[in-house]
């Protein structure tokens, strides 16, 4: 690298951008080479800035594929989503309408038929041959507390954020990533019952429905086989594919502190806090059923109630 990473995106030579007075600012994340990641990994985490690294997973890209997974584990039972919505806000939808259970071989047949489908966030511990092929120490990640496999066809993650630093690896096929800094969280219209998920479709941005999005910065990159994307904790991101793909992710390093998470929760607005109270009593204490959203955890109010039950059981 020719210059250090700083926390001011306008001053970072890694990122090109185009300005617009009537809508969002679009920034492209300029890539680094694999050996440069070793030099800036800690710096990127400390500065909380996304980084694209070309070829960091080049070895895996040469030997991993959905077909290899089928050869090794054809009868592995997998929980998948099938015939996904065409829009990029899957959190609107009811999980039960899309959830299927089948063998991996059958899932391969679904992908081959060009139906949109996703095997999402399955632990790599379920695929030991693949897990053993990763050298986490060489990736300069520190402590890795989860590594997952993602396989699908025409997938849309939806705009959301995670509590931990994330190294995403594109192994087979191509994906496009769109990121938004947490400083724009107040512009992203979170779901009241799932405030880490956004109602905004960044693939088809509607400024009439979501006018606060006119002031945000959208950072993007196209990822090919072997490429990596570092997503700092708390950064909103949406990752999509137009064809069959295989990816991994590694949550690692530090996570948002309890205080940071509380600030983000309260900062999400009155609707989110009010919904937490409602969900805690209605769906938690009174055990009334709630809507299981696609690709979403239980509402925070329900999670709080469940945590209290476990603590005082």
Foldseek 3Di string as FASTA:
>chain_A
DPDADALPVVPDPQKDWDDDPFFAIEIEGHADELVVCVVCVVVCQVSQHKHKYFQVQVVLLVPDDLVVCCVVFQFDKAKKFWQQDLFQQQQVDFAVVTIDIGGSNVVVVRQVVQTWMKRPFAFCVVVVVVVVVDDVVSSVFAFWDTKGKMWTFFDKLAKFFAFFKKKKAWAAAKKKKKKWALVLLLQFPADLQFSRGGPAGPVDGDCVVRVSNRYTYIYMDMDHHSMMMIRHHNMIMMMTHNGITMMMMTGGDDGHDPVRVVCSQPSNDPSNVVVLVVCLVVCQVVVDDDRRGHNGDGGPNNVVSVVVVVVVD
